[in-house]
C-alpha atoms as a PDB file:
ATOM      1  CA  UNK A   1      74.341  99.822 115.323  1.00  0.00           C
ATOM      2  CA  UNK A   2      72.367  99.199 112.151  1.00  0.00           C
ATOM      3  CA  UNK A   3      74.274  98.002 109.135  1.00  0.00           C
ATOM      4  CA  UNK A   4      72.933  98.100 105.595  1.00  0.00           C
ATOM      5  CA  UNK A   5      74.724  96.200 102.816  1.00  0.00           C
ATOM      6  CA  UNK A   6      73.536  96.543  99.234  1.00  0.00           C
ATOM      7  CA  UNK A   7      75.223  93.887  97.120  1.00  0.00           C
ATOM      8  CA  UNK A   8      73.750  94.527  93.690  1.00  0.00           C
ATOM      9  CA  UNK A   9      71.143  96.858  92.264  1.00  0.00           C
ATOM     10  CA  UNK A  10      69.786  96.063  88.808  1.00  0.00           C
ATOM     11  CA  UNK A  11      68.114  98.691  86.674  1.00  0.00           C
ATOM     12  CA  UNK A  12      66.192  98.140  83.476  1.00  0.00           C
ATOM     13  CA  UNK A  13      66.116 101.037  81.028  1.00  0.00           C
ATOM     14  CA  UNK A  14      64.653 101.783  77.621  1.00  0.00           C
ATOM     15  CA  UNK A  15      65.147 104.445  74.917  1.00  0.00           C
ATOM     16  CA  UNK A  16      67.786 102.709  72.826  1.00  0.00           C
ATOM     17  CA  UNK A  17      69.355 100.818  75.718  1.00  0.00           C
ATOM     18  CA  UNK A  18      68.981  97.052  75.925  1.00  0.00           C
ATOM     19  CA  UNK A  19      69.873  96.759  79.638  1.00  0.00           C
ATOM     20  CA  UNK A  20      71.906  98.369  82.391  1.00  0.00           C
ATOM     21  CA  UNK A  21      73.317  97.087  85.647  1.00  0.00           C
ATOM     22  CA  UNK A  22      74.872  98.790  88.642  1.00  0.00           C
ATOM     23  CA  UNK A  23      76.981  96.627  90.932  1.00  0.00           C
ATOM     24  CA  UNK A  24      78.076  97.888  94.344  1.00  0.00           C
ATOM     25  CA  UNK A  25      80.959  96.199  96.131  1.00  0.00           C
ATOM     26  CA  UNK A  26      82.979  97.112  99.204  1.00  0.00           C
ATOM     27  CA  UNK A  27      86.396  96.432 100.672  1.00  0.00           C
ATOM     28  CA  UNK A  28      88.255  97.143 103.903  1.00  0.00           C
ATOM     29  CA  UNK A  29      91.607  96.359 105.514  1.00  0.00           C
ATOM     30  CA  UNK A  30      93.358  96.883 108.841  1.00  0.00           C
ATOM     31  CA  UNK A  31      96.661  95.920 110.400  1.00  0.00           C
ATOM     32  CA  UNK A  32     100.092  97.031 111.560  1.00  0.00           C
ATOM     33  CA  UNK A  33     103.260  97.993 109.707  1.00  0.00           C
ATOM     34  CA  UNK A  34     106.871  98.978 110.338  1.00  0.00           C
ATOM     35  CA  UNK A  35     109.603 100.342 108.098  1.00  0.00           C
ATOM     36  CA  UNK A  36     107.600 100.429 104.868  1.00  0.00           C
ATOM     37  CA  UNK A  37     109.265 102.371 102.099  1.00  0.00           C
ATOM     38  CA  UNK A  38     109.046 105.539 100.053  1.00  0.00           C
ATOM     39  CA  UNK A  39     105.607 107.062 100.091  1.00  0.00           C
ATOM     40  CA  UNK A  40     105.639 108.864 103.449  1.00  0.00           C
ATOM     41  CA  UNK A  41     109.188 110.207 102.937  1.00  0.00           C
ATOM     42  CA  UNK A  42     110.026 109.894 106.628  1.00  0.00           C
ATOM     43  CA  UNK A  43     113.527 108.944 107.708  1.00  0.00           C
ATOM     44  CA  UNK A  44     114.172 105.555 109.254  1.00  0.00           C
ATOM     45  CA  UNK A  45     117.345 105.345 111.286  1.00  0.00           C
ATOM     46  CA  UNK A  46     119.276 102.084 111.251  1.00  0.00           C
ATOM     47  CA  UNK A  47     121.854 100.461 113.504  1.00  0.00           C
ATOM     48  CA  UNK A  48     124.547 102.236 111.503  1.00  0.00           C
ATOM     49  CA  UNK A  49     123.036 105.684 112.074  1.00  0.00           C
ATOM     50  CA  UNK A  50     124.992 107.981 114.378  1.00  0.00           C
ATOM     51  CA  UNK A  51     123.473 108.523 117.810  1.00  0.00           C
ATOM     52  CA  UNK A  52     121.482 111.630 118.685  1.00  0.00           C
ATOM     53  CA  UNK A  53     123.593 114.547 119.760  1.00  0.00           C
ATOM     54  CA  UNK A  54     126.561 113.727 117.506  1.00  0.00           C
ATOM     55  CA  UNK A  55     127.403 116.475 115.057  1.00  0.00           C
ATOM     56  CA  UNK A  56     129.693 117.362 112.131  1.00  0.00           C
ATOM     57  CA  UNK A  57     130.863 120.538 110.444  1.00  0.00           C
ATOM     58  CA  UNK A  58     129.326 121.400 107.068  1.00  0.00           C
ATOM     59  CA  UNK A  59     132.068 123.113 105.038  1.00  0.00           C
ATOM     60  CA  UNK A  60     129.670 124.747 102.560  1.00  0.00           C
ATOM     61  CA  UNK A  61     127.536 126.512 105.167  1.00  0.00           C
ATOM     62  CA  UNK A  62     130.242 126.559 107.866  1.00  0.00           C
ATOM     63  CA  UNK A  63     127.675 125.399 110.389  1.00  0.00           C
ATOM     64  CA  UNK A  64     127.477 122.478 112.786  1.00  0.00           C
ATOM     65  CA  UNK A  65     124.808 119.929 111.835  1.00  0.00           C
ATOM     66  CA  UNK A  66     123.367 116.700 113.157  1.00  0.00           C
ATOM     67  CA  UNK A  67     123.371 113.565 110.937  1.00  0.00           C
ATOM     68  CA  UNK A  68     119.699 113.068 111.783  1.00  0.00           C
ATOM     69  CA  UNK A  69     118.911 116.437 110.188  1.00  0.00           C
ATOM     70  CA  UNK A  70     120.665 115.828 106.876  1.00  0.00           C
ATOM     71  CA  UNK A  71     119.001 114.976 103.605  1.00  0.00           C
ATOM     72  CA  UNK A  72     119.651 111.780 101.675  1.00  0.00           C
ATOM     73  CA  UNK A  73     121.929 113.706  99.262  1.00  0.00           C
ATOM     74  CA  UNK A  74     123.908 115.216 102.123  1.00  0.00           C
ATOM     75  CA  UNK A  75     124.420 111.764 103.614  1.00  0.00           C
ATOM     76  CA  UNK A  76     126.516 110.712 100.613  1.00  0.00           C
ATOM     77  CA  UNK A  77     129.168 113.236 101.619  1.00  0.00           C
ATOM     78  CA  UNK A  78     128.949 112.547 105.334  1.00  0.00           C
ATOM     79  CA  UNK A  79     131.051 109.385 105.325  1.00  0.00           C
ATOM     80  CA  UNK A  80     133.953 111.393 103.875  1.00  0.00           C
ATOM     81  CA  UNK A  81     133.575 114.030 106.553  1.00  0.00           C
ATOM     82  CA  UNK A  82     133.604 111.400 109.273  1.00  0.00           C
ATOM     83  CA  UNK A  83     137.065 110.237 108.238  1.00  0.00           C
ATOM     84  CA  UNK A  84     138.514 113.784 108.171  1.00  0.00           C
ATOM     85  CA  UNK A  85     139.304 116.480 110.674  1.00  0.00           C
ATOM     86  CA  UNK A  86     135.907 118.135 110.177  1.00  0.00           C
ATOM     87  CA  UNK A  87     134.154 115.291 112.026  1.00  0.00           C
ATOM     88  CA  UNK A  88     133.154 116.122 115.590  1.00  0.00           C
ATOM     89  CA  UNK A  89     132.362 113.277 118.006  1.00  0.00           C
ATOM     90  CA  UNK A  90     130.974 111.008 115.281  1.00  0.00           C
ATOM     91  CA  UNK A  91     131.573 107.339 116.052  1.00  0.00           C
ATOM     92  CA  UNK A  92     130.194 105.643 112.925  1.00  0.00           C
ATOM     93  CA  UNK A  93     128.944 106.367 109.434  1.00  0.00           C
ATOM     94  CA  UNK A  94     125.312 107.441 109.324  1.00  0.00           C
ATOM     95  CA  UNK A  95     122.771 106.282 106.781  1.00  0.00           C
ATOM     96  CA  UNK A  96     119.220 107.479 106.259  1.00  0.00           C
ATOM     97  CA  UNK A  97     116.568 105.869 104.070  1.00  0.00           C
ATOM     98  CA  UNK A  98     113.016 106.883 103.267  1.00  0.00           C
ATOM     99  CA  UNK A  99     111.194 104.422 105.474  1.00  0.00           C
ATOM    100  CA  UNK A 100     108.204 104.759 107.772  1.00  0.00           C
ATOM    101  CA  UNK A 101     108.095 104.423 111.516  1.00  0.00           C
ATOM    102  CA  UNK A 102     105.808 101.873 113.208  1.00  0.00           C
ATOM    103  CA  UNK A 103     102.129 102.430 112.605  1.00  0.00           C
ATOM    104  CA  UNK A 104      98.608 101.125 112.123  1.00  0.00           C
ATOM    105  CA  UNK A 105      96.680 101.166 108.852  1.00  0.00           C
ATOM    106  CA  UNK A 106      92.941 100.925 108.333  1.00  0.00           C
ATOM    107  CA  UNK A 107      90.877 101.761 105.290  1.00  0.00           C
ATOM    108  CA  UNK A 108      87.541 101.090 103.633  1.00  0.00           C
ATOM    109  CA  UNK A 109      86.021 101.757 100.257  1.00  0.00           C
ATOM    110  CA  UNK A 110      82.981 101.346  98.051  1.00  0.00           C
ATOM    111  CA  UNK A 111      83.137 100.684  94.304  1.00  0.00           C
ATOM    112  CA  UNK A 112      80.281 101.315  91.884  1.00  0.00           C
ATOM    113  CA  UNK A 113      80.505  99.520  88.525  1.00  0.00           C
ATOM    114  CA  UNK A 114      77.938 100.407  85.885  1.00  0.00           C
ATOM    115  CA  UNK A 115      77.520  98.300  82.752  1.00  0.00           C
ATOM    116  CA  UNK A 116      75.058  98.267  79.901  1.00  0.00           C
ATOM    117  CA  UNK A 117      74.526  97.670  76.201  1.00  0.00           C
ATOM    118  CA  UNK A 118      72.828  99.530  73.375  1.00  0.00           C
ATOM    119  CA  UNK A 119      70.316  97.958  71.016  1.00  0.00           C
ATOM    120  CA  UNK A 120      72.926  97.829  68.259  1.00  0.00           C
ATOM    121  CA  UNK A 121      75.332  95.742  70.361  1.00  0.00           C
ATOM    122  CA  UNK A 122      77.762  98.270  71.814  1.00  0.00           C
ATOM    123  CA  UNK A 123      78.517  97.517  75.464  1.00  0.00           C
ATOM    124  CA  UNK A 124      79.695 100.235  77.818  1.00  0.00           C
ATOM    125  CA  UNK A 125      80.874 100.545  81.398  1.00  0.00           C
ATOM    126  CA  UNK A 126      81.891 103.154  83.951  1.00  0.00           C
ATOM    127  CA  UNK A 127      83.108 103.073  87.531  1.00  0.00           C
ATOM    128  CA  UNK A 128      83.125 105.338  90.584  1.00  0.00           C
ATOM    129  CA  UNK A 129      84.955 104.631  93.828  1.00  0.00           C
ATOM    130  CA  UNK A 130      85.084 106.129  97.311  1.00  0.00           C
ATOM    131  CA  UNK A 131      88.091 105.260  99.488  1.00  0.00           C
ATOM    132  CA  UNK A 132      89.135 106.551 102.903  1.00  0.00           C
ATOM    133  CA  UNK A 133      91.766 105.701 105.507  1.00  0.00           C
ATOM    134  CA  UNK A 134      95.444 104.773 105.449  1.00  0.00           C
ATOM    135  CA  UNK A 135      96.605 102.267 102.829  1.00  0.00           C
ATOM    136  CA  UNK A 136      99.694 100.102 102.314  1.00  0.00           C
ATOM    137  CA  UNK A 137     100.986  98.403  99.182  1.00  0.00           C
ATOM    138  CA  UNK A 138     101.788  94.903 100.422  1.00  0.00           C
ATOM    139  CA  UNK A 139     103.281  93.800  97.106  1.00  0.00           C
ATOM    140  CA  UNK A 140     105.949  96.526  97.156  1.00  0.00           C
ATOM    141  CA  UNK A 141     106.247  96.961 100.945  1.00  0.00           C
ATOM    142  CA  UNK A 142     105.203 100.605 100.558  1.00  0.00           C
ATOM    143  CA  UNK A 143     103.147 102.940 102.714  1.00  0.00           C
ATOM    144  CA  UNK A 144     100.706 104.610 100.339  1.00  0.00           C
ATOM    145  CA  UNK A 145      99.444 106.950 103.050  1.00  0.00           C
ATOM    146  CA  UNK A 146      96.077 108.602 103.571  1.00  0.00           C
ATOM    147  CA  UNK A 147      93.322 108.427 100.966  1.00  0.00           C
ATOM    148  CA  UNK A 148      91.365 111.562 100.179  1.00  0.00           C
ATOM    149  CA  UNK A 149      88.023 110.159 101.259  1.00  0.00           C
ATOM    150  CA  UNK A 150      86.364 111.613  98.158  1.00  0.00           C
ATOM    151  CA  UNK A 151      84.568 110.026  95.211  1.00  0.00           C
ATOM    152  CA  UNK A 152      86.752 109.364  92.183  1.00  0.00           C
ATOM    153  CA  UNK A 153      85.629 108.696  88.622  1.00  0.00           C
ATOM    154  CA  UNK A 154      87.294 105.665  87.114  1.00  0.00           C
ATOM    155  CA  UNK A 155      87.365 104.623  83.486  1.00  0.00           C
ATOM    156  CA  UNK A 156      84.554 104.928  80.957  1.00  0.00           C
ATOM    157  CA  UNK A 157      84.742 102.391  78.126  1.00  0.00           C
ATOM    158  CA  UNK A 158      82.836 101.313  75.024  1.00  0.00           C
ATOM    159  CA  UNK A 159      83.276  97.953  73.321  1.00  0.00           C
ATOM    160  CA  UNK A 160      81.920  96.637  70.054  1.00  0.00           C
ATOM    161  CA  UNK A 161      82.955  95.101  66.751  1.00  0.00           C
ATOM    162  CA  UNK A 162      85.323  98.051  66.319  1.00  0.00           C
ATOM    163  CA  UNK A 163      87.295  97.110  69.438  1.00  0.00           C
ATOM    164  CA  UNK A 164      87.405  98.723  72.874  1.00  0.00           C
ATOM    165  CA  UNK A 165      87.812 102.439  73.575  1.00  0.00           C
ATOM    166  CA  UNK A 166      88.616 103.568  77.143  1.00  0.00           C
ATOM    167  CA  UNK A 167      88.737 107.056  78.654  1.00  0.00           C
ATOM    168  CA  UNK A 168      90.387 107.652  82.028  1.00  0.00           C
ATOM    169  CA  UNK A 169      92.107 110.991  82.636  1.00  0.00           C
ATOM    170  CA  UNK A 170      95.660 110.195  83.804  1.00  0.00           C
ATOM    171  CA  UNK A 171      94.497 106.726  84.835  1.00  0.00           C
ATOM    172  CA  UNK A 172      95.603 104.309  82.100  1.00  0.00           C
ATOM    173  CA  UNK A 173      98.827 102.444  82.874  1.00  0.00           C
ATOM    174  CA  UNK A 174     101.697 102.714  80.438  1.00  0.00           C
ATOM    175  CA  UNK A 175     101.728  99.524  78.331  1.00  0.00           C
ATOM    176  CA  UNK A 176     105.534  99.252  78.370  1.00  0.00           C
ATOM    177  CA  UNK A 177     106.275 100.148  81.998  1.00  0.00           C
ATOM    178  CA  UNK A 178     103.670 100.714  84.700  1.00  0.00           C
ATOM    179  CA  UNK A 179     106.020 103.142  86.455  1.00  0.00           C
ATOM    180  CA  UNK A 180     105.971 105.474  83.457  1.00  0.00           C
ATOM    181  CA  UNK A 181     103.434 108.307  83.107  1.00  0.00           C
ATOM    182  CA  UNK A 182      99.786 107.243  82.919  1.00  0.00           C
ATOM    183  CA  UNK A 183      97.785 108.031  79.767  1.00  0.00           C
ATOM    184  CA  UNK A 184      94.264 109.393  79.210  1.00  0.00           C
ATOM    185  CA  UNK A 185      92.753 107.264  76.463  1.00  0.00           C
ATOM    186  CA  UNK A 186      93.402 103.782  75.057  1.00  0.00           C
ATOM    187  CA  UNK A 187      92.201 101.665  72.169  1.00  0.00           C
ATOM    188  CA  UNK A 188      92.383  97.873  71.878  1.00  0.00           C
ATOM    189  CA  UNK A 189      91.447  95.584  69.016  1.00  0.00           C
ATOM    190  CA  UNK A 190      92.260  92.236  67.443  1.00  0.00           C
ATOM    191  CA  UNK A 191      93.606  91.807  63.914  1.00  0.00           C
ATOM    192  CA  UNK A 192      93.518  88.133  63.069  1.00  0.00           C
ATOM    193  CA  UNK A 193      95.467  86.384  65.820  1.00  0.00           C
ATOM    194  CA  UNK A 194      97.222  89.581  66.948  1.00  0.00           C
ATOM    195  CA  UNK A 195      95.966  91.674  69.876  1.00  0.00           C
ATOM    196  CA  UNK A 196      96.847  95.358  69.617  1.00  0.00           C
ATOM    197  CA  UNK A 197      96.610  98.170  72.184  1.00  0.00           C
ATOM    198  CA  UNK A 198      97.656 101.823  72.174  1.00  0.00           C
ATOM    199  CA  UNK A 199      97.548 104.369  75.009  1.00  0.00           C
ATOM    200  CA  UNK A 200      97.712 108.123  74.429  1.00  0.00           C
ATOM    201  CA  UNK A 201      98.272 111.115  76.681  1.00  0.00           C
ATOM    202  CA  UNK A 202      96.496 114.207  75.390  1.00  0.00           C
ATOM    203  CA  UNK A 203      98.904 116.565  77.153  1.00  0.00           C
ATOM    204  CA  UNK A 204     101.932 115.061  75.422  1.00  0.00           C
ATOM    205  CA  UNK A 205     103.757 114.320  78.675  1.00  0.00           C
ATOM    206  CA  UNK A 206     106.994 112.346  78.305  1.00  0.00           C
ATOM    207  CA  UNK A 207     106.853 108.567  78.907  1.00  0.00           C
ATOM    208  CA  UNK A 208     103.050 108.480  78.482  1.00  0.00           C
ATOM    209  CA  UNK A 209     102.252 107.302  74.929  1.00  0.00           C
ATOM    210  CA  UNK A 210     102.703 103.547  74.543  1.00  0.00           C
ATOM    211  CA  UNK A 211     101.639 100.461  72.578  1.00  0.00           C
ATOM    212  CA  UNK A 212     101.640  96.679  72.841  1.00  0.00           C
ATOM    213  CA  UNK A 213     101.063  93.708  70.535  1.00  0.00           C
ATOM    214  CA  UNK A 214     100.586  90.047  71.445  1.00  0.00           C
ATOM    215  CA  UNK A 215     100.433  86.845  69.407  1.00  0.00           C
ATOM    216  CA  UNK A 216     100.092  83.193  70.479  1.00  0.00           C
ATOM    217  CA  UNK A 217     100.488  79.965  68.514  1.00  0.00           C
ATOM    218  CA  UNK A 218     101.545  76.372  69.232  1.00  0.00           C
ATOM    219  CA  UNK A 219     102.323  76.973  72.884  1.00  0.00           C
ATOM    220  CA  UNK A 220     104.394  80.103  72.184  1.00  0.00           C
ATOM    221  CA  UNK A 221     103.388  83.643  73.160  1.00  0.00           C
ATOM    222  CA  UNK A 222     105.055  86.736  71.691  1.00  0.00           C
ATOM    223  CA  UNK A 223     104.655  90.166  73.310  1.00  0.00           C
ATOM    224  CA  UNK A 224     105.990  93.477  72.012  1.00  0.00           C
ATOM    225  CA  UNK A 225     105.665  96.695  74.041  1.00  0.00           C
ATOM    226  CA  UNK A 226     107.027 100.184  73.435  1.00  0.00           C
ATOM    227  CA  UNK A 227     106.742 103.680  74.852  1.00  0.00           C
ATOM    228  CA  UNK A 228     107.882 107.178  74.102  1.00  0.00           C
ATOM    229  CA  UNK A 229     110.717 108.060  76.457  1.00  0.00           C
ATOM    230  CA  UNK A 230     112.577 111.204  77.394  1.00  0.00           C
ATOM    231  CA  UNK A 231     115.486 110.189  75.131  1.00  0.00           C
ATOM    232  CA  UNK A 232     113.646 108.396  72.348  1.00  0.00           C
ATOM    233  CA  UNK A 233     111.729 105.123  72.348  1.00  0.00           C
ATOM    234  CA  UNK A 234     111.927 102.273  74.842  1.00  0.00           C
ATOM    235  CA  UNK A 235     110.826  98.783  73.762  1.00  0.00           C
ATOM    236  CA  UNK A 236     110.757  95.183  74.917  1.00  0.00           C
ATOM    237  CA  UNK A 237     110.118  91.862  73.203  1.00  0.00           C
ATOM    238  CA  UNK A 238     109.396  88.647  75.067  1.00  0.00           C
ATOM    239  CA  UNK A 239     108.827  85.077  73.934  1.00  0.00           C
ATOM    240  CA  UNK A 240     107.240  82.551  76.298  1.00  0.00           C
ATOM    241  CA  UNK A 241     107.042  78.814  75.635  1.00  0.00           C
ATOM    242  CA  UNK A 242     105.138  76.248  77.664  1.00  0.00           C
ATOM    243  CA  UNK A 243     107.163  73.025  77.633  1.00  0.00           C
ATOM    244  CA  UNK A 244     104.273  71.188  79.323  1.00  0.00           C
ATOM    245  CA  UNK A 245     101.533  71.827  81.862  1.00  0.00           C
ATOM    246  CA  UNK A 246     104.047  72.547  84.648  1.00  0.00           C
ATOM    247  CA  UNK A 247     107.145  74.085  83.038  1.00  0.00           C
ATOM    248  CA  UNK A 248     107.488  77.281  81.009  1.00  0.00           C
ATOM    249  CA  UNK A 249     110.450  79.300  79.738  1.00  0.00           C
ATOM    250  CA  UNK A 250     110.528  83.002  78.834  1.00  0.00           C
ATOM    251  CA  UNK A 251     113.157  85.006  76.991  1.00  0.00           C
ATOM    252  CA  UNK A 252     113.009  88.809  76.985  1.00  0.00           C
ATOM    253  CA  UNK A 253     115.053  91.652  75.573  1.00  0.00           C
ATOM    254  CA  UNK A 254     114.460  95.148  76.949  1.00  0.00           C
ATOM    255  CA  UNK A 255     115.913  98.281  75.368  1.00  0.00           C
ATOM    256  CA  UNK A 256     115.416 101.436  77.445  1.00  0.00           C
ATOM    257  CA  UNK A 257     115.981 104.579  75.396  1.00  0.00           C
ATOM    258  CA  UNK A 258     119.624 105.670  75.311  1.00  0.00           C
ATOM    259  CA  UNK A 259     120.745 102.662  77.418  1.00  0.00           C
ATOM    260  CA  UNK A 260     122.187  99.203  76.882  1.00  0.00           C
ATOM    261  CA  UNK A 261     119.658  96.460  76.139  1.00  0.00           C
ATOM    262  CA  UNK A 262     119.091  93.795  78.799  1.00  0.00           C
ATOM    263  CA  UNK A 263     118.365  90.154  77.963  1.00  0.00           C
ATOM    264  CA  UNK A 264     116.647  87.975  80.568  1.00  0.00           C
ATOM    265  CA  UNK A 265     115.883  84.254  80.696  1.00  0.00           C
ATOM    266  CA  UNK A 266     113.207  82.996  83.125  1.00  0.00           C
ATOM    267  CA  UNK A 267     112.140  79.429  83.881  1.00  0.00           C
ATOM    268  CA  UNK A 268     109.074  78.546  85.957  1.00  0.00           C
ATOM    269  CA  UNK A 269     107.674  75.264  87.216  1.00  0.00           C
ATOM    270  CA  UNK A 270     104.701  74.348  89.404  1.00  0.00           C
ATOM    271  CA  UNK A 271     104.010  70.900  90.840  1.00  0.00           C
ATOM    272  CA  UNK A 272     101.786  69.806  93.721  1.00  0.00           C
ATOM    273  CA  UNK A 273     101.404  73.340  95.030  1.00  0.00           C
ATOM    274  CA  UNK A 274     105.135  74.127  94.900  1.00  0.00           C
ATOM    275  CA  UNK A 275     106.324  76.790  92.459  1.00  0.00           C
ATOM    276  CA  UNK A 276     109.869  77.756  91.519  1.00  0.00           C
ATOM    277  CA  UNK A 277     110.903  80.644  89.265  1.00  0.00           C
ATOM    278  CA  UNK A 278     114.500  81.371  88.265  1.00  0.00           C
ATOM    279  CA  UNK A 279     115.622  84.333  86.180  1.00  0.00           C
ATOM    280  CA  UNK A 280     119.016  85.647  85.071  1.00  0.00           C
ATOM    281  CA  UNK A 281     120.002  88.662  82.965  1.00  0.00           C
ATOM    282  CA  UNK A 282     123.151  89.736  81.132  1.00  0.00           C
ATOM    283  CA  UNK A 283     123.527  92.750  83.460  1.00  0.00           C
ATOM    284  CA  UNK A 284     124.501  90.405  86.328  1.00  0.00           C
ATOM    285  CA  UNK A 285     121.085  90.488  87.975  1.00  0.00           C
ATOM    286  CA  UNK A 286     119.117  87.399  88.993  1.00  0.00           C
ATOM    287  CA  UNK A 287     116.047  86.378  91.010  1.00  0.00           C
ATOM    288  CA  UNK A 288     114.888  83.200  92.707  1.00  0.00           C
ATOM    289  CA  UNK A 289     111.228  82.969  93.771  1.00  0.00           C
ATOM    290  CA  UNK A 290     109.684  80.076  95.694  1.00  0.00           C
ATOM    291  CA  UNK A 291     106.043  79.511  96.530  1.00  0.00           C
ATOM    292  CA  UNK A 292     103.802  76.989  98.226  1.00  0.00           C
ATOM    293  CA  UNK A 293      99.996  76.863  98.136  1.00  0.00           C
ATOM    294  CA  UNK A 294      97.717  74.439  99.940  1.00  0.00           C
ATOM    295  CA  UNK A 295      94.216  74.617 101.375  1.00  0.00           C
ATOM    296  CA  UNK A 296      93.802  78.378 101.288  1.00  0.00           C
ATOM    297  CA  UNK A 297      97.342  79.060 102.533  1.00  0.00           C
ATOM    298  CA  UNK A 298     100.069  80.587 100.378  1.00  0.00           C
ATOM    299  CA  UNK A 299     103.735  81.152 101.243  1.00  0.00           C
ATOM    300  CA  UNK A 300     106.296  82.969  99.092  1.00  0.00           C
ATOM    301  CA  UNK A 301     110.009  83.696  99.361  1.00  0.00           C
ATOM    302  CA  UNK A 302     112.163  85.632  96.915  1.00  0.00           C
ATOM    303  CA  UNK A 303     115.812  86.657  96.825  1.00  0.00           C
ATOM    304  CA  UNK A 304     117.958  88.540  94.306  1.00  0.00           C
ATOM    305  CA  UNK A 305     121.606  89.261  93.502  1.00  0.00           C
ATOM    306  CA  UNK A 306     121.826  91.947  96.195  1.00  0.00           C
ATOM    307  CA  UNK A 307     120.852  89.387  98.861  1.00  0.00           C
ATOM    308  CA  UNK A 308     117.656  91.368  99.280  1.00  0.00           C
ATOM    309  CA  UNK A 309     114.785  89.044 100.151  1.00  0.00           C
ATOM    310  CA  UNK A 310     111.041  89.108 100.839  1.00  0.00           C
ATOM    311  CA  UNK A 311     108.806  86.567 102.564  1.00  0.00           C
ATOM    312  CA  UNK A 312     105.002  86.664 102.614  1.00  0.00           C
ATOM    313  CA  UNK A 313     102.152  84.530 103.913  1.00  0.00           C
ATOM    314  CA  UNK A 314      98.421  84.692 103.179  1.00  0.00           C
ATOM    315  CA  UNK A 315      95.486  82.691 104.465  1.00  0.00           C
ATOM    316  CA  UNK A 316      91.847  82.702 103.382  1.00  0.00           C
ATOM    317  CA  UNK A 317      89.704  83.062 106.491  1.00  0.00           C
ATOM    318  CA  UNK A 318      86.369  82.589 104.734  1.00  0.00           C
ATOM    319  CA  UNK A 319      83.515  85.003 104.243  1.00  0.00           C
ATOM    320  CA  UNK A 320      85.627  87.278 102.061  1.00  0.00           C
ATOM    321  CA  UNK A 321      88.324  87.799 104.700  1.00  0.00           C
ATOM    322  CA  UNK A 322      92.053  87.197 104.112  1.00  0.00           C
ATOM    323  CA  UNK A 323      95.003  87.429 106.481  1.00  0.00           C
ATOM    324  CA  UNK A 324      98.318  88.602 105.017  1.00  0.00           C
ATOM    325  CA  UNK A 325     101.768  89.251 106.481  1.00  0.00           C
ATOM    326  CA  UNK A 326     105.206  89.972 105.083  1.00  0.00           C
ATOM    327  CA  UNK A 327     108.789  90.814 106.030  1.00  0.00           C
ATOM    328  CA  UNK A 328     111.839  91.735 103.981  1.00  0.00           C
ATOM    329  CA  UNK A 329     115.574  92.290 104.251  1.00  0.00           C
ATOM    330  CA  UNK A 330     115.081  96.031 104.918  1.00  0.00           C
ATOM    331  CA  UNK A 331     113.426  95.229 108.273  1.00  0.00           C
ATOM    332  CA  UNK A 332     110.086  96.190 106.750  1.00  0.00           C
ATOM    333  CA  UNK A 333     106.983  94.310 107.850  1.00  0.00           C
ATOM    334  CA  UNK A 334     103.194  94.339 107.717  1.00  0.00           C
ATOM    335  CA  UNK A 335     100.434  92.129 109.066  1.00  0.00           C
ATOM    336  CA  UNK A 336      96.688  92.521 108.777  1.00  0.00           C
ATOM    337  CA  UNK A 337      93.343  91.386 107.510  1.00  0.00           C
ATOM    338  CA  UNK A 338      91.471  92.481 104.390  1.00  0.00           C
ATOM    339  CA  UNK A 339      87.766  92.083 103.663  1.00  0.00           C
ATOM    340  CA  UNK A 340      85.724  91.942 100.469  1.00  0.00           C
ATOM    341  CA  UNK A 341      81.985  92.693 100.642  1.00  0.00           C
END
């Protein structure tokens, strides 16, 4: 089978344009997974789930149902039913989560990045990507599912002495919380030693408009971020201080709209490839993260106040290939190889 790989194509243009470049890169990944969360919305039964064939009586509909057929909301009432006279042949409480079954993922994609500059010094860029296959999110142990296999237009940006202006319909991450609604246009600039950014959603969707400001001096970094929320404005302020080349401390206060503020202290240290990060908040949450890196290998382990833990391992195989595997306390796992072309 013939294979053609085009790494970079350079174009030279005129008519008010100093230069333009088109860079073509590719990526692919393949592996196995089990019990990844959320995206596929399939039920994963656990050891505590009632066996097939066991049933209970639903008082609202006056019908006999199987625990395996209930929704997550219905499950919250099932434990009560089990203890009462309505339970029929149920031997243990049943729990259902949104986790995947066992499976195989494989995907590939091509990214086109176009950059250029005008004669008066304004640089611009645009991107187009084509992705196909089944994808996982290794960082969050999530099954992203099937890609559309169609070309997608990424961001279009212009940068000059005025700052940077970016257009990306519903593709710009919220500056306060990446899980909030994505925006359509953003503007970034620098005023003295302060970096400013704003993101705006033209449709006025809740939790989309946001801003951030950052300032650094004498080893200290200040970051302020805020976003419109459904009940007002959410904001966070963090201060990071590097004690030396290996130890840093961060303090953060986060005020979600119409909720109590949360203060968090985090300390990080790295020495001879070993990293340790400890964080604690006033809402009784905490995290401990350990890492080790040596010779192209990286190991991580993290645990929190719920005794939930994750463990990952990566290894650079050379030639743009990387092996990665992970397991967590929810019996989720993945293992596979990714490639960069």
